[in-house]
Amino acid sequence: MAGGVGFSVCILKDEIQHKILSYKLNTHNTVFKVELVALGEVPSWAVETNYKINILSDSGSSIHAVKDHRTKSKFVNGIKEKFRLTERFVGFAWVKAHIGIPGMSLPIASPNKQALTKK
């Protein structure tokens, strides 16, 4: 997404690209907020499609924010609520780097990528 702020969510099924969701956001958003927005899009997609998925993200700060019980941010708590409501569909984990992870190095690279795989 040249010249802007955005993210893509790469959905894989059996390590084969199934779908890519791309979004453009206002340029005033921080990388941290974009990563949280990307995480927040995933639970809705999982429920709509009835897929059980795992999110692999290199954004330790976003994962920590979503898991932290002391968060006071309304925005972060909204993302946390999406995960709470879809906990039987969605799991997520931090990965150290993109190397060797299907979907994390696709040429659609944007400010944030989340790789999802069917459980």
PDB file of N, CA and C in Angstrom:
ATOM      1  N   MET A   1       0.838  -1.174   0.000  1.00  0.00           N
ATOM      2  CA  MET A   1       0.000   0.000   0.000  1.00  0.00           C
ATOM      3  C   MET A   1       0.884   1.238   0.000  1.00  0.00           C
ATOM      4  N   ALA A   2       1.480   1.463  -1.109  1.00  0.00           N
ATOM      5  CA  ALA A   2       2.425   2.564  -1.234  1.00  0.00           C
ATOM      6  C   ALA A   2       1.759   3.895  -0.938  1.00  0.00           C
ATOM      7  N   GLY A   3       2.481   4.744  -0.205  1.00  0.00           N
ATOM      8  CA  GLY A   3       2.000   6.074   0.075  1.00  0.00           C
ATOM      9  C   GLY A   3       0.901   6.158   1.111  1.00  0.00           C
ATOM     10  N   GLY A   4       0.737   5.134   1.907  1.00  0.00           N
ATOM     11  CA  GLY A   4      -0.314   5.179   2.909  1.00  0.00           C
ATOM     12  C   GLY A   4      -0.053   4.210   4.041  1.00  0.00           C
ATOM     13  N   VAL A   5      -1.038   4.090   4.886  1.00  0.00           N
ATOM     14  CA  VAL A   5      -0.963   3.180   6.017  1.00  0.00           C
ATOM     15  C   VAL A   5      -2.016   2.113   5.798  1.00  0.00           C
ATOM     16  N   GLY A   6      -1.632   0.878   5.980  1.00  0.00           N
ATOM     17  CA  GLY A   6      -2.596  -0.190   5.791  1.00  0.00           C
ATOM     18  C   GLY A   6      -2.049  -1.513   6.242  1.00  0.00           C
ATOM     19  N   PHE A   7      -2.825  -2.542   6.005  1.00  0.00           N
ATOM     20  CA  PHE A   7      -2.384  -3.881   6.365  1.00  0.00           C
ATOM     21  C   PHE A   7      -3.082  -4.897   5.477  1.00  0.00           C
ATOM     22  N   SER A   8      -2.510  -6.075   5.442  1.00  0.00           N
ATOM     23  CA  SER A   8      -3.113  -7.202   4.743  1.00  0.00           C
ATOM     24  C   SER A   8      -3.139  -8.388   5.683  1.00  0.00           C
ATOM     25  N   VAL A   9      -4.183  -9.148   5.572  1.00  0.00           N
ATOM     26  CA  VAL A   9      -4.315 -10.394   6.314  1.00  0.00           C
ATOM     27  C   VAL A   9      -4.277 -11.496   5.275  1.00  0.00           C
ATOM     28  N   CYS A  10      -3.314 -12.378   5.385  1.00  0.00           N
ATOM     29  CA  CYS A  10      -3.168 -13.488   4.442  1.00  0.00           C
ATOM     30  C   CYS A  10      -3.762 -14.737   5.083  1.00  0.00           C
ATOM     31  N   ILE A  11      -4.749 -15.304   4.443  1.00  0.00           N
ATOM     32  CA  ILE A  11      -5.415 -16.493   4.969  1.00  0.00           C
ATOM     33  C   ILE A  11      -4.939 -17.690   4.165  1.00  0.00           C
ATOM     34  N   LEU A  12      -4.376 -18.648   4.895  1.00  0.00           N
ATOM     35  CA  LEU A  12      -3.859 -19.853   4.262  1.00  0.00           C
ATOM     36  C   LEU A  12      -4.702 -21.046   4.666  1.00  0.00           C
ATOM     37  N   LYS A  13      -4.860 -21.966   3.745  1.00  0.00           N
ATOM     38  CA  LYS A  13      -5.508 -23.243   4.037  1.00  0.00           C
ATOM     39  C   LYS A  13      -4.555 -24.312   3.547  1.00  0.00           C
ATOM     40  N   ASP A  14      -4.081 -25.141   4.462  1.00  0.00           N
ATOM     41  CA  ASP A  14      -3.081 -26.162   4.133  1.00  0.00           C
ATOM     42  C   ASP A  14      -1.850 -25.540   3.478  1.00  0.00           C
ATOM     43  N   GLU A  15      -1.413 -24.388   4.015  1.00  0.00           N
ATOM     44  CA  GLU A  15      -0.240 -23.651   3.572  1.00  0.00           C
ATOM     45  C   GLU A  15      -0.336 -23.112   2.148  1.00  0.00           C
ATOM     46  N   ILE A  16      -1.549 -23.026   1.615  1.00  0.00           N
ATOM     47  CA  ILE A  16      -1.785 -22.465   0.290  1.00  0.00           C
ATOM     48  C   ILE A  16      -2.630 -21.205   0.462  1.00  0.00           C
ATOM     49  N   GLN A  17      -2.238 -20.145  -0.227  1.00  0.00           N
ATOM     50  CA  GLN A  17      -2.959 -18.876  -0.116  1.00  0.00           C
ATOM     51  C   GLN A  17      -4.420 -19.081  -0.478  1.00  0.00           C
ATOM     52  N   HIS A  18      -5.298 -18.746   0.451  1.00  0.00           N
ATOM     53  CA  HIS A  18      -6.738 -18.909   0.279  1.00  0.00           C
ATOM     54  C   HIS A  18      -7.409 -17.569  -0.005  1.00  0.00           C
ATOM     55  N   LYS A  19      -7.021 -16.546   0.737  1.00  0.00           N
ATOM     56  CA  LYS A  19      -7.638 -15.235   0.588  1.00  0.00           C
ATOM     57  C   LYS A  19      -6.717 -14.175   1.194  1.00  0.00           C
ATOM     58  N   ILE A  20      -6.773 -12.972   0.658  1.00  0.00           N
ATOM     59  CA  ILE A  20      -6.041 -11.848   1.236  1.00  0.00           C
ATOM     60  C   ILE A  20      -7.028 -10.712   1.451  1.00  0.00           C
ATOM     61  N   LEU A  21      -7.067 -10.231   2.673  1.00  0.00           N
ATOM     62  CA  LEU A  21      -7.889  -9.081   3.023  1.00  0.00           C
ATOM     63  C   LEU A  21      -6.948  -7.893   3.185  1.00  0.00           C
ATOM     64  N   SER A  22      -7.171  -6.823   2.432  1.00  0.00           N
ATOM     65  CA  SER A  22      -6.313  -5.641   2.514  1.00  0.00           C
ATOM     66  C   SER A  22      -7.154  -4.423   2.865  1.00  0.00           C
ATOM     67  N   TYR A  23      -6.600  -3.577   3.718  1.00  0.00           N
ATOM     68  CA  TYR A  23      -7.299  -2.391   4.175  1.00  0.00           C
ATOM     69  C   TYR A  23      -6.347  -1.200   4.181  1.00  0.00           C
ATOM     70  N   LYS A  24      -6.859  -0.046   3.819  1.00  0.00           N
ATOM     71  CA  LYS A  24      -6.099   1.192   3.886  1.00  0.00           C
ATOM     72  C   LYS A  24      -6.700   2.023   5.011  1.00  0.00           C
ATOM     73  N   LEU A  25      -5.839   2.593   5.841  1.00  0.00           N
ATOM     74  CA  LEU A  25      -6.265   3.384   6.985  1.00  0.00           C
ATOM     75  C   LEU A  25      -5.789   4.823   6.842  1.00  0.00           C
ATOM     76  N   ASN A  26      -6.296   5.698   7.688  1.00  0.00           N
ATOM     77  CA  ASN A  26      -5.831   7.080   7.709  1.00  0.00           C
ATOM     78  C   ASN A  26      -4.346   7.126   8.030  1.00  0.00           C
ATOM     79  N   THR A  27      -3.643   8.079   7.449  1.00  0.00           N
ATOM     80  CA  THR A  27      -2.193   8.149   7.602  1.00  0.00           C
ATOM     81  C   THR A  27      -1.737   8.510   9.009  1.00  0.00           C
ATOM     82  N   HIS A  28      -2.618   8.986   9.864  1.00  0.00           N
ATOM     83  CA  HIS A  28      -2.219   9.364  11.222  1.00  0.00           C
ATOM     84  C   HIS A  28      -2.085   8.155  12.168  1.00  0.00           C
ATOM     85  N   ASN A  29      -2.449   6.966  11.713  1.00  0.00           N
ATOM     86  CA  ASN A  29      -2.366   5.773  12.563  1.00  0.00           C
ATOM     87  C   ASN A  29      -0.918   5.339  12.781  1.00  0.00           C
ATOM     88  N   THR A  30      -0.642   4.850  13.979  1.00  0.00           N
ATOM     89  CA  THR A  30       0.687   4.322  14.291  1.00  0.00           C
ATOM     90  C   THR A  30       0.773   2.869  13.852  1.00  0.00           C
ATOM     91  N   VAL A  31       1.985   2.345  13.761  1.00  0.00           N
ATOM     92  CA  VAL A  31       2.186   0.936  13.424  1.00  0.00           C
ATOM     93  C   VAL A  31       1.495   0.055  14.462  1.00  0.00           C
ATOM     94  N   PHE A  32       1.610   0.421  15.737  1.00  0.00           N
ATOM     95  CA  PHE A  32       0.974  -0.345  16.811  1.00  0.00           C
ATOM     96  C   PHE A  32      -0.534  -0.424  16.608  1.00  0.00           C
ATOM     97  N   LYS A  33      -1.163   0.700  16.278  1.00  0.00           N
ATOM     98  CA  LYS A  33      -2.610   0.701  16.073  1.00  0.00           C
ATOM     99  C   LYS A  33      -2.989  -0.119  14.848  1.00  0.00           C
ATOM    100  N   VAL A  34      -2.219  -0.019  13.787  1.00  0.00           N
ATOM    101  CA  VAL A  34      -2.495  -0.798  12.579  1.00  0.00           C
ATOM    102  C   VAL A  34      -2.404  -2.291  12.883  1.00  0.00           C
ATOM    103  N   GLU A  35      -1.401  -2.690  13.669  1.00  0.00           N
ATOM    104  CA  GLU A  35      -1.274  -4.099  14.041  1.00  0.00           C
ATOM    105  C   GLU A  35      -2.482  -4.562  14.851  1.00  0.00           C
ATOM    106  N   LEU A  36      -2.955  -3.717  15.759  1.00  0.00           N
ATOM    107  CA  LEU A  36      -4.143  -4.073  16.541  1.00  0.00           C
ATOM    108  C   LEU A  36      -5.393  -4.153  15.663  1.00  0.00           C
ATOM    109  N   VAL A  37      -5.540  -3.232  14.722  1.00  0.00           N
ATOM    110  CA  VAL A  37      -6.687  -3.276  13.808  1.00  0.00           C
ATOM    111  C   VAL A  37      -6.654  -4.572  13.010  1.00  0.00           C
ATOM    112  N   ALA A  38      -5.463  -4.957  12.537  1.00  0.00           N
ATOM    113  CA  ALA A  38      -5.325  -6.215  11.787  1.00  0.00           C
ATOM    114  C   ALA A  38      -5.755  -7.398  12.649  1.00  0.00           C
ATOM    115  N   LEU A  39      -5.278  -7.441  13.892  1.00  0.00           N
ATOM    116  CA  LEU A  39      -5.688  -8.514  14.796  1.00  0.00           C
ATOM    117  C   LEU A  39      -7.197  -8.503  15.003  1.00  0.00           C
ATOM    118  N   GLY A  40      -7.793  -7.320  15.083  1.00  0.00           N
ATOM    119  CA  GLY A  40      -9.227  -7.206  15.320  1.00  0.00           C
ATOM    120  C   GLY A  40     -10.092  -7.638  14.157  1.00  0.00           C
ATOM    121  N   GLU A  41      -9.555  -7.636  12.948  1.00  0.00           N
ATOM    122  CA  GLU A  41     -10.316  -8.076  11.779  1.00  0.00           C
ATOM    123  C   GLU A  41     -10.465  -9.589  11.723  1.00  0.00           C
ATOM    124  N   VAL A  42      -9.533 -10.288  12.289  1.00  0.00           N
ATOM    125  CA  VAL A  42      -9.480 -11.744  12.167  1.00  0.00           C
ATOM    126  C   VAL A  42     -10.654 -12.458  12.832  1.00  0.00           C
ATOM    127  N   PRO A  43     -11.022 -12.122  14.073  1.00  0.00           N
ATOM    128  CA  PRO A  43     -12.133 -12.845  14.699  1.00  0.00           C
ATOM    129  C   PRO A  43     -13.436 -12.762  13.901  1.00  0.00           C
ATOM    130  N   SER A  44     -13.735 -11.616  13.345  1.00  0.00           N
ATOM    131  CA  SER A  44     -14.957 -11.463  12.552  1.00  0.00           C
ATOM    132  C   SER A  44     -14.944 -12.390  11.342  1.00  0.00           C
ATOM    133  N   TRP A  45     -13.804 -12.452  10.657  1.00  0.00           N
ATOM    134  CA  TRP A  45     -13.691 -13.318   9.485  1.00  0.00           C
ATOM    135  C   TRP A  45     -13.852 -14.781   9.893  1.00  0.00           C
ATOM    136  N   ALA A  46     -13.269 -15.181  11.008  1.00  0.00           N
ATOM    137  CA  ALA A  46     -13.356 -16.568  11.466  1.00  0.00           C
ATOM    138  C   ALA A  46     -14.807 -16.965  11.736  1.00  0.00           C
ATOM    139  N   VAL A  47     -15.557 -16.087  12.376  1.00  0.00           N
ATOM    140  CA  VAL A  47     -16.962 -16.383  12.679  1.00  0.00           C
ATOM    141  C   VAL A  47     -17.793 -16.428  11.403  1.00  0.00           C
ATOM    142  N   GLU A  48     -17.584 -15.464  10.506  1.00  0.00           N
ATOM    143  CA  GLU A  48     -18.338 -15.421   9.246  1.00  0.00           C
ATOM    144  C   GLU A  48     -18.147 -16.681   8.415  1.00  0.00           C
ATOM    145  N   THR A  49     -16.933 -17.222   8.425  1.00  0.00           N
ATOM    146  CA  THR A  49     -16.623 -18.381   7.584  1.00  0.00           C
ATOM    147  C   THR A  49     -16.682 -19.701   8.347  1.00  0.00           C
ATOM    148  N   ASN A  50     -16.868 -19.619   9.661  1.00  0.00           N
ATOM    149  CA  ASN A  50     -16.914 -20.806  10.524  1.00  0.00           C
ATOM    150  C   ASN A  50     -15.597 -21.584  10.495  1.00  0.00           C
ATOM    151  N   TYR A  51     -14.477 -20.857  10.379  1.00  0.00           N
ATOM    152  CA  TYR A  51     -13.151 -21.458  10.401  1.00  0.00           C
ATOM    153  C   TYR A  51     -12.547 -21.317  11.788  1.00  0.00           C
ATOM    154  N   LYS A  52     -11.816 -22.320  12.199  1.00  0.00           N
ATOM    155  CA  LYS A  52     -10.974 -22.216  13.388  1.00  0.00           C
ATOM    156  C   LYS A  52      -9.585 -21.864  12.880  1.00  0.00           C
ATOM    157  N   ILE A  53      -9.001 -20.821  13.431  1.00  0.00           N
ATOM    158  CA  ILE A  53      -7.742 -20.316  12.892  1.00  0.00           C
ATOM    159  C   ILE A  53      -6.730 -20.009  13.985  1.00  0.00           C
ATOM    160  N   ASN A  54      -5.478 -19.980  13.577  1.00  0.00           N
ATOM    161  CA  ASN A  54      -4.370 -19.537  14.411  1.00  0.00           C
ATOM    162  C   ASN A  54      -3.757 -18.318  13.750  1.00  0.00           C
ATOM    163  N   ILE A  55      -3.482 -17.304  14.524  1.00  0.00           N
ATOM    164  CA  ILE A  55      -2.816 -16.106  14.023  1.00  0.00           C
ATOM    165  C   ILE A  55      -1.361 -16.195  14.450  1.00  0.00           C
ATOM    166  N   LEU A  56      -0.467 -16.008  13.512  1.00  0.00           N
ATOM    167  CA  LEU A  56       0.961 -15.952  13.802  1.00  0.00           C
ATOM    168  C   LEU A  56       1.406 -14.522  13.537  1.00  0.00           C
ATOM    169  N   SER A  57       1.909 -13.864  14.568  1.00  0.00           N
ATOM    170  CA  SER A  57       2.279 -12.455  14.433  1.00  0.00           C
ATOM    171  C   SER A  57       3.643 -12.202  15.063  1.00  0.00           C
ATOM    172  N   ASP A  58       4.404 -11.315  14.446  1.00  0.00           N
ATOM    173  CA  ASP A  58       5.681 -10.915  15.036  1.00  0.00           C
ATOM    174  C   ASP A  58       5.509  -9.656  15.887  1.00  0.00           C
ATOM    175  N   SER A  59       4.282  -9.253  16.111  1.00  0.00           N
ATOM    176  CA  SER A  59       4.003  -8.055  16.897  1.00  0.00           C
ATOM    177  C   SER A  59       3.766  -8.422  18.365  1.00  0.00           C
ATOM    178  N   GLY A  60       4.854  -8.551  19.097  1.00  0.00           N
ATOM    179  CA  GLY A  60       4.761  -8.901  20.511  1.00  0.00           C
ATOM    180  C   GLY A  60       3.991  -7.866  21.306  1.00  0.00           C
ATOM    181  N   SER A  61       4.143  -6.589  20.956  1.00  0.00           N
ATOM    182  CA  SER A  61       3.455  -5.536  21.704  1.00  0.00           C
ATOM    183  C   SER A  61       1.940  -5.615  21.521  1.00  0.00           C
ATOM    184  N   SER A  62       1.476  -5.944  20.323  1.00  0.00           N
ATOM    185  CA  SER A  62       0.037  -6.069  20.084  1.00  0.00           C
ATOM    186  C   SER A  62      -0.533  -7.268  20.827  1.00  0.00           C
ATOM    187  N   ILE A  63       0.170  -8.383  20.767  1.00  0.00           N
ATOM    188  CA  ILE A  63      -0.297  -9.579  21.474  1.00  0.00           C
ATOM    189  C   ILE A  63      -0.335  -9.325  22.974  1.00  0.00           C
ATOM    190  N   HIS A  64       0.701  -8.671  23.487  1.00  0.00           N
ATOM    191  CA  HIS A  64       0.732  -8.356  24.917  1.00  0.00           C
ATOM    192  C   HIS A  64      -0.447  -7.456  25.298  1.00  0.00           C
ATOM    193  N   ALA A  65      -0.732  -6.457  24.478  1.00  0.00           N
ATOM    194  CA  ALA A  65      -1.836  -5.535  24.766  1.00  0.00           C
ATOM    195  C   ALA A  65      -3.173  -6.273  24.810  1.00  0.00           C
ATOM    196  N   VAL A  66      -3.374  -7.213  23.899  1.00  0.00           N
ATOM    197  CA  VAL A  66      -4.629  -7.956  23.849  1.00  0.00           C
ATOM    198  C   VAL A  66      -4.748  -8.927  25.026  1.00  0.00           C
ATOM    199  N   LYS A  67      -3.634  -9.458  25.485  1.00  0.00           N
ATOM    200  CA  LYS A  67      -3.659 -10.411  26.600  1.00  0.00           C
ATOM    201  C   LYS A  67      -3.620  -9.748  27.976  1.00  0.00           C
ATOM    202  N   ASP A  68      -3.220  -8.480  28.041  1.00  0.00           N
ATOM    203  CA  ASP A  68      -3.065  -7.788  29.317  1.00  0.00           C
ATOM    204  C   ASP A  68      -4.423  -7.499  29.958  1.00  0.00           C
ATOM    205  N   HIS A  69      -4.611  -7.943  31.183  1.00  0.00           N
ATOM    206  CA  HIS A  69      -5.878  -7.754  31.891  1.00  0.00           C
ATOM    207  C   HIS A  69      -6.038  -6.352  32.473  1.00  0.00           C
ATOM    208  N   ARG A  70      -4.957  -5.570  32.488  1.00  0.00           N
ATOM    209  CA  ARG A  70      -5.007  -4.235  33.084  1.00  0.00           C
ATOM    210  C   ARG A  70      -5.187  -3.124  32.059  1.00  0.00           C
ATOM    211  N   THR A  71      -5.382  -3.463  30.811  1.00  0.00           N
ATOM    212  CA  THR A  71      -5.511  -2.459  29.756  1.00  0.00           C
ATOM    213  C   THR A  71      -6.712  -1.552  30.009  1.00  0.00           C
ATOM    214  N   LYS A  72      -6.495  -0.248  29.909  1.00  0.00           N
ATOM    215  CA  LYS A  72      -7.577   0.716  30.112  1.00  0.00           C
ATOM    216  C   LYS A  72      -8.041   1.350  28.804  1.00  0.00           C
ATOM    217  N   SER A  73      -7.320   1.111  27.731  1.00  0.00           N
ATOM    218  CA  SER A  73      -7.655   1.690  26.432  1.00  0.00           C
ATOM    219  C   SER A  73      -8.962   1.093  25.905  1.00  0.00           C
ATOM    220  N   LYS A  74      -9.911   1.967  25.557  1.00  0.00           N
ATOM    221  CA  LYS A  74     -11.181   1.500  24.992  1.00  0.00           C
ATOM    222  C   LYS A  74     -10.943   0.779  23.666  1.00  0.00           C
ATOM    223  N   PHE A  75     -10.018   1.305  22.880  1.00  0.00           N
ATOM    224  CA  PHE A  75      -9.709   0.689  21.583  1.00  0.00           C
ATOM    225  C   PHE A  75      -9.178  -0.733  21.772  1.00  0.00           C
ATOM    226  N   VAL A  76      -8.188  -0.898  22.642  1.00  0.00           N
ATOM    227  CA  VAL A  76      -7.606  -2.223  22.888  1.00  0.00           C
ATOM    228  C   VAL A  76      -8.650  -3.149  23.502  1.00  0.00           C
ATOM    229  N   ASN A  77      -9.441  -2.640  24.435  1.00  0.00           N
ATOM    230  CA  ASN A  77     -10.468  -3.479  25.057  1.00  0.00           C
ATOM    231  C   ASN A  77     -11.528  -3.916  24.044  1.00  0.00           C
ATOM    232  N   GLY A  78     -11.793  -3.106  23.032  1.00  0.00           N
ATOM    233  CA  GLY A  78     -12.704  -3.508  21.959  1.00  0.00           C
ATOM    234  C   GLY A  78     -12.150  -4.687  21.168  1.00  0.00           C
ATOM    235  N   ILE A  79     -10.846  -4.665  20.896  1.00  0.00           N
ATOM    236  CA  ILE A  79     -10.195  -5.783  20.197  1.00  0.00           C
ATOM    237  C   ILE A  79     -10.241  -7.026  21.089  1.00  0.00           C
ATOM    238  N   LYS A  80      -9.949  -6.844  22.379  1.00  0.00           N
ATOM    239  CA  LYS A  80      -9.974  -7.965  23.323  1.00  0.00           C
ATOM    240  C   LYS A  80     -11.369  -8.599  23.375  1.00  0.00           C
ATOM    241  N   GLU A  81     -12.392  -7.780  23.327  1.00  0.00           N
ATOM    242  CA  GLU A  81     -13.766  -8.299  23.373  1.00  0.00           C
ATOM    243  C   GLU A  81     -14.063  -9.160  22.154  1.00  0.00           C
ATOM    244  N   LYS A  82     -13.570  -8.755  20.982  1.00  0.00           N
ATOM    245  CA  LYS A  82     -13.757  -9.575  19.777  1.00  0.00           C
ATOM    246  C   LYS A  82     -13.139 -10.954  19.973  1.00  0.00           C
ATOM    247  N   PHE A  83     -11.948 -11.000  20.560  1.00  0.00           N
ATOM    248  CA  PHE A  83     -11.305 -12.290  20.807  1.00  0.00           C
ATOM    249  C   PHE A  83     -12.066 -13.100  21.852  1.00  0.00           C
ATOM    250  N   ARG A  84     -12.563 -12.428  22.877  1.00  0.00           N
ATOM    251  CA  ARG A  84     -13.304 -13.133  23.914  1.00  0.00           C
ATOM    252  C   ARG A  84     -14.554 -13.798  23.329  1.00  0.00           C
ATOM    253  N   LEU A  85     -15.255 -13.088  22.462  1.00  0.00           N
ATOM    254  CA  LEU A  85     -16.481 -13.605  21.869  1.00  0.00           C
ATOM    255  C   LEU A  85     -16.234 -14.716  20.855  1.00  0.00           C
ATOM    256  N   THR A  86     -15.007 -14.813  20.361  1.00  0.00           N
ATOM    257  CA  THR A  86     -14.702 -15.814  19.324  1.00  0.00           C
ATOM    258  C   THR A  86     -13.616 -16.787  19.768  1.00  0.00           C
ATOM    259  N   GLU A  87     -13.428 -16.944  21.073  1.00  0.00           N
ATOM    260  CA  GLU A  87     -12.304 -17.733  21.561  1.00  0.00           C
ATOM    261  C   GLU A  87     -12.303 -19.176  21.072  1.00  0.00           C
ATOM    262  N   ARG A  88     -13.446 -19.728  20.728  1.00  0.00           N
ATOM    263  CA  ARG A  88     -13.440 -21.108  20.226  1.00  0.00           C
ATOM    264  C   ARG A  88     -13.005 -21.178  18.760  1.00  0.00           C
ATOM    265  N   PHE A  89     -12.932 -20.026  18.096  1.00  0.00           N
ATOM    266  CA  PHE A  89     -12.522 -19.976  16.699  1.00  0.00           C
ATOM    267  C   PHE A  89     -11.084 -19.521  16.499  1.00  0.00           C
ATOM    268  N   VAL A  90     -10.564 -18.697  17.406  1.00  0.00           N
ATOM    269  CA  VAL A  90      -9.314 -17.994  17.147  1.00  0.00           C
ATOM    270  C   VAL A  90      -8.290 -18.210  18.252  1.00  0.00           C
ATOM    271  N   GLY A  91      -7.063 -18.528  17.844  1.00  0.00           N
ATOM    272  CA  GLY A  91      -5.929 -18.565  18.748  1.00  0.00           C
ATOM    273  C   GLY A  91      -4.826 -17.738  18.124  1.00  0.00           C
ATOM    274  N   PHE A  92      -3.910 -17.242  18.935  1.00  0.00           N
ATOM    275  CA  PHE A  92      -2.806 -16.498  18.332  1.00  0.00           C
ATOM    276  C   PHE A  92      -1.538 -16.652  19.141  1.00  0.00           C
ATOM    277  N   ALA A  93      -0.430 -16.482  18.422  1.00  0.00           N
ATOM    278  CA  ALA A  93       0.880 -16.667  19.038  1.00  0.00           C
ATOM    279  C   ALA A  93       1.888 -15.728  18.398  1.00  0.00           C
ATOM    280  N   TRP A  94       2.886 -15.379  19.183  1.00  0.00           N
ATOM    281  CA  TRP A  94       3.982 -14.559  18.709  1.00  0.00           C
ATOM    282  C   TRP A  94       5.015 -15.455  18.030  1.00  0.00           C
ATOM    283  N   VAL A  95       5.555 -14.984  16.910  1.00  0.00           N
ATOM    284  CA  VAL A  95       6.658 -15.657  16.234  1.00  0.00           C
ATOM    285  C   VAL A  95       7.821 -14.687  16.181  1.00  0.00           C
ATOM    286  N   LYS A  96       9.030 -15.217  16.325  1.00  0.00           N
ATOM    287  CA  LYS A  96      10.224 -14.373  16.396  1.00  0.00           C
ATOM    288  C   LYS A  96      10.497 -13.628  15.094  1.00  0.00           C
ATOM    289  N   ALA A  97      10.300 -14.294  13.988  1.00  0.00           N
ATOM    290  CA  ALA A  97      10.598 -13.694  12.682  1.00  0.00           C
ATOM    291  C   ALA A  97       9.729 -14.342  11.622  1.00  0.00           C
ATOM    292  N   HIS A  98       9.724 -13.748  10.444  1.00  0.00           N
ATOM    293  CA  HIS A  98       8.902 -14.251   9.347  1.00  0.00           C
ATOM    294  C   HIS A  98       9.529 -15.433   8.621  1.00  0.00           C
ATOM    295  N   ILE A  99      10.784 -15.699   8.848  1.00  0.00           N
ATOM    296  CA  ILE A  99      11.511 -16.702   8.086  1.00  0.00           C
ATOM    297  C   ILE A  99      10.880 -18.077   8.243  1.00  0.00           C
ATOM    298  N   GLY A 100      10.558 -18.699   7.114  1.00  0.00           N
ATOM    299  CA  GLY A 100      10.037 -20.058   7.113  1.00  0.00           C
ATOM    300  C   GLY A 100       8.575 -20.196   7.491  1.00  0.00           C
ATOM    301  N   ILE A 101       7.851 -19.093   7.621  1.00  0.00           N
ATOM    302  CA  ILE A 101       6.441 -19.158   7.985  1.00  0.00           C
ATOM    303  C   ILE A 101       5.612 -18.873   6.744  1.00  0.00           C
ATOM    304  N   PRO A 102       4.788 -19.842   6.314  1.00  0.00           N
ATOM    305  CA  PRO A 102       3.981 -19.638   5.107  1.00  0.00           C
ATOM    306  C   PRO A 102       3.130 -18.373   5.209  1.00  0.00           C
ATOM    307  N   GLY A 103       3.127 -17.585   4.146  1.00  0.00           N
ATOM    308  CA  GLY A 103       2.310 -16.385   4.087  1.00  0.00           C
ATOM    309  C   GLY A 103       2.977 -15.132   4.600  1.00  0.00           C
ATOM    310  N   MET A 104       4.010 -15.257   5.406  1.00  0.00           N
ATOM    311  CA  MET A 104       4.626 -14.077   6.000  1.00  0.00           C
ATOM    312  C   MET A 104       5.556 -13.353   5.038  1.00  0.00           C
ATOM    313  N   SER A 105       5.890 -13.961   3.906  1.00  0.00           N
ATOM    314  CA  SER A 105       6.794 -13.297   2.978  1.00  0.00           C
ATOM    315  C   SER A 105       6.181 -13.163   1.582  1.00  0.00           C
ATOM    316  N   LEU A 106       4.861 -13.163   1.509  1.00  0.00           N
ATOM    317  CA  LEU A 106       4.216 -12.995   0.210  1.00  0.00           C
ATOM    318  C   LEU A 106       4.504 -11.594  -0.339  1.00  0.00           C
ATOM    319  N   PRO A 107       4.540 -11.445  -1.647  1.00  0.00           N
ATOM    320  CA  PRO A 107       4.878 -10.157  -2.232  1.00  0.00           C
ATOM    321  C   PRO A 107       3.855  -9.058  -1.963  1.00  0.00           C
ATOM    322  N   ILE A 108       2.723  -9.372  -1.379  1.00  0.00           N
ATOM    323  CA  ILE A 108       1.718  -8.351  -1.076  1.00  0.00           C
ATOM    324  C   ILE A 108       2.101  -7.557   0.163  1.00  0.00           C
ATOM    325  N   ALA A 109       3.321  -7.660   0.577  1.00  0.00           N
ATOM    326  CA  ALA A 109       3.804  -7.046   1.818  1.00  0.00           C
ATOM    327  C   ALA A 109       3.244  -5.646   2.014  1.00  0.00           C
ATOM    328  N   SER A 110       2.792  -5.407   3.229  1.00  0.00           N
ATOM    329  CA  SER A 110       2.261  -4.115   3.619  1.00  0.00           C
ATOM    330  C   SER A 110       2.744  -3.830   5.032  1.00  0.00           C
ATOM    331  N   PRO A 111       2.351  -2.709   5.641  1.00  0.00           N
ATOM    332  CA  PRO A 111       2.876  -2.399   6.964  1.00  0.00           C
ATOM    333  C   PRO A 111       2.658  -3.478   8.003  1.00  0.00           C
ATOM    334  N   ASN A 112       1.717  -4.358   7.806  1.00  0.00           N
ATOM    335  CA  ASN A 112       1.495  -5.413   8.774  1.00  0.00           C
ATOM    336  C   ASN A 112       0.936  -6.632   8.067  1.00  0.00           C
ATOM    337  N   LYS A 113       1.405  -7.805   8.449  1.00  0.00           N
ATOM    338  CA  LYS A 113       0.872  -9.044   7.879  1.00  0.00           C
ATOM    339  C   LYS A 113       0.551  -9.978   9.028  1.00  0.00           C
ATOM    340  N   GLN A 114      -0.513 -10.688   8.918  1.00  0.00           N
ATOM    341  CA  GLN A 114      -0.865 -11.727   9.871  1.00  0.00           C
ATOM    342  C   GLN A 114      -1.102 -12.979   9.031  1.00  0.00           C
ATOM    343  N   ALA A 115      -0.486 -14.075   9.393  1.00  0.00           N
ATOM    344  CA  ALA A 115      -0.689 -15.327   8.666  1.00  0.00           C
ATOM    345  C   ALA A 115      -1.656 -16.177   9.474  1.00  0.00           C
ATOM    346  N   LEU A 116      -2.634 -16.702   8.802  1.00  0.00           N
ATOM    347  CA  LEU A 116      -3.625 -17.523   9.474  1.00  0.00           C
ATOM    348  C   LEU A 116      -3.616 -18.909   8.869  1.00  0.00           C
ATOM    349  N   THR A 117      -3.792 -19.896   9.686  1.00  0.00           N
ATOM    350  CA  THR A 117      -3.890 -21.252   9.183  1.00  0.00           C
ATOM    351  C   THR A 117      -5.080 -21.913   9.821  1.00  0.00           C
ATOM    352  N   LYS A 118      -5.712 -22.805   9.091  1.00  0.00           N
ATOM    353  CA  LYS A 118      -6.856 -23.524   9.621  1.00  0.00           C
ATOM    354  C   LYS A 118      -6.363 -24.492  10.690  1.00  0.00           C
ATOM    355  N   LYS A 119      -7.048 -24.551  11.835  1.00  0.00           N
ATOM    356  CA  LYS A 119      -6.677 -25.471  12.919  1.00  0.00           C
ATOM    357  C   LYS A 119      -7.031 -26.879  12.548  1.00  0.00           C
TER     358      LYS A 119
END
